[in-house]
Amino acid sequence: MSDDNVIRPAFGTPRRPTPEAPRAPLRVLGTGAGHRVGLIRDPEAKEGDVFRIVVGPEDEPGVETVALLPATADAEAEAERIGFAILRTLEMVEGAF
């Protein structure tokens, strides 16, 4: 799969060479295939107050934002749904279906 097909908060820009360190508390939704999926509320983001759905290796502190939602009243529930969908995908990969 092309790197350009990955959904990122800054579409069309190159991926960062190293994962970012969370600036705000990380709420871990779960782990699968050696990765953890989490949710961060980041009121200091350059995009404004947002929810970040993040993925990173289980044994490392860094994570990468894979989806970004503005922090509206309904956004946290939507961010959780996205995070759990990603988590389920990782669990399927881990179990090889």
Protein backbone atom coordinates (compact mmCIF):
# COMPACT_ATOMS: atom_id res chain seq x y z
CA MET A 1 0.00 0.00 0.00
CA SER A 2 1.23 3.46 -0.82
CA ASP A 3 2.08 5.78 2.05
CA ASP A 4 -0.16 8.37 0.39
CA ASN A 5 -3.23 6.24 1.12
CA VAL A 6 -2.82 6.48 4.90
CA ILE A 7 -5.26 8.87 6.55
CA ARG A 8 -3.33 11.52 8.44
CA PRO A 9 -4.27 14.90 9.94
CA ALA A 10 -2.05 16.69 7.40
CA PHE A 11 -3.05 15.08 4.11
CA GLY A 12 -0.38 14.98 1.43
CA THR A 13 2.54 15.79 3.70
CA PRO A 14 5.33 13.26 4.27
CA ARG A 15 5.11 11.03 7.32
CA ARG A 16 7.32 11.82 10.26
CA PRO A 17 10.41 9.65 10.45
CA THR A 18 9.88 8.96 14.17
CA PRO A 19 6.71 8.67 16.29
CA GLU A 20 5.65 11.62 18.39
CA ALA A 21 5.70 11.65 22.19
CA PRO A 22 2.20 12.28 23.55
CA ARG A 23 1.84 15.82 24.91
CA ALA A 24 -1.43 15.05 26.69
CA PRO A 25 -2.47 11.96 28.69
CA LEU A 26 -2.94 8.84 26.58
CA ARG A 27 -6.03 6.71 27.21
CA VAL A 28 -5.19 3.24 25.94
CA LEU A 29 -8.13 1.51 24.28
CA GLY A 30 -6.30 -1.81 23.90
CA THR A 31 -3.50 -3.71 22.21
CA GLY A 32 -3.21 -6.00 19.20
CA ALA A 33 -0.49 -7.26 16.86
CA GLY A 34 2.20 -5.72 19.08
CA HIS A 35 0.67 -2.23 18.97
CA ARG A 36 -1.45 -0.17 21.30
CA VAL A 37 -4.33 2.03 20.23
CA GLY A 38 -5.13 5.10 22.24
CA LEU A 39 -7.06 8.32 22.44
CA ILE A 40 -5.61 11.70 23.35
CA ARG A 41 -7.51 14.94 23.92
CA ASP A 42 -5.12 17.64 22.77
CA PRO A 43 -6.38 21.17 23.45
CA GLU A 44 -2.94 22.57 22.53
CA ALA A 45 -2.83 21.13 18.99
CA LYS A 46 -2.05 23.48 16.13
CA GLU A 47 -5.44 22.47 14.66
CA GLY A 48 -7.21 23.59 17.86
CA ASP A 49 -8.83 21.41 20.53
CA VAL A 50 -8.89 17.89 19.04
CA PHE A 51 -9.19 14.21 19.79
CA ARG A 52 -6.28 12.19 18.38
CA ILE A 53 -6.62 8.49 17.69
CA VAL A 54 -3.07 7.18 17.95
CA VAL A 55 -1.21 3.92 17.34
CA GLY A 56 2.24 2.93 18.54
CA PRO A 57 4.35 -0.11 19.36
CA GLU A 58 3.34 -1.73 22.64
CA ASP A 59 6.88 -1.63 24.03
CA GLU A 60 7.77 1.96 23.05
CA PRO A 61 6.49 5.31 24.36
CA GLY A 62 5.96 6.97 20.94
CA VAL A 63 2.70 7.00 19.03
CA GLU A 64 1.55 8.29 15.65
CA THR A 65 -1.73 10.08 15.02
CA VAL A 66 -3.84 8.10 12.55
CA ALA A 67 -7.08 10.10 12.83
CA LEU A 68 -7.97 13.53 14.15
CA LEU A 69 -11.38 14.92 15.15
CA PRO A 70 -12.31 18.38 16.40
CA ALA A 71 -13.26 18.14 20.09
CA THR A 72 -17.00 18.68 19.78
CA ALA A 73 -19.71 17.28 22.04
CA ASP A 74 -20.10 14.06 20.02
CA ALA A 75 -16.50 13.67 18.88
CA GLU A 76 -15.18 11.63 21.82
CA ALA A 77 -17.68 8.83 21.18
CA GLU A 78 -16.83 8.89 17.46
CA ALA A 79 -13.09 8.86 18.27
CA GLU A 80 -13.64 5.82 20.49
CA ARG A 81 -15.51 4.02 17.68
CA ILE A 82 -12.65 4.73 15.27
CA GLY A 83 -10.10 3.57 17.84
CA PHE A 84 -11.98 0.35 18.54
CA ALA A 85 -12.29 -0.34 14.79
CA ILE A 86 -8.52 0.05 14.44
CA LEU A 87 -8.00 -2.17 17.48
CA ARG A 88 -10.27 -4.87 16.04
CA THR A 89 -8.31 -4.74 12.78
CA LEU A 90 -5.04 -5.24 14.67
CA GLU A 91 -6.56 -8.16 16.59
CA MET A 92 -7.61 -9.76 13.28
CA VAL A 93 -4.09 -9.28 11.88
CA GLU A 94 -2.63 -10.78 15.04
CA GLY A 95 -4.88 -13.82 14.77
CA ALA A 96 -4.45 -14.04 10.98
CA PHE A 97 -8.27 -14.11 10.75
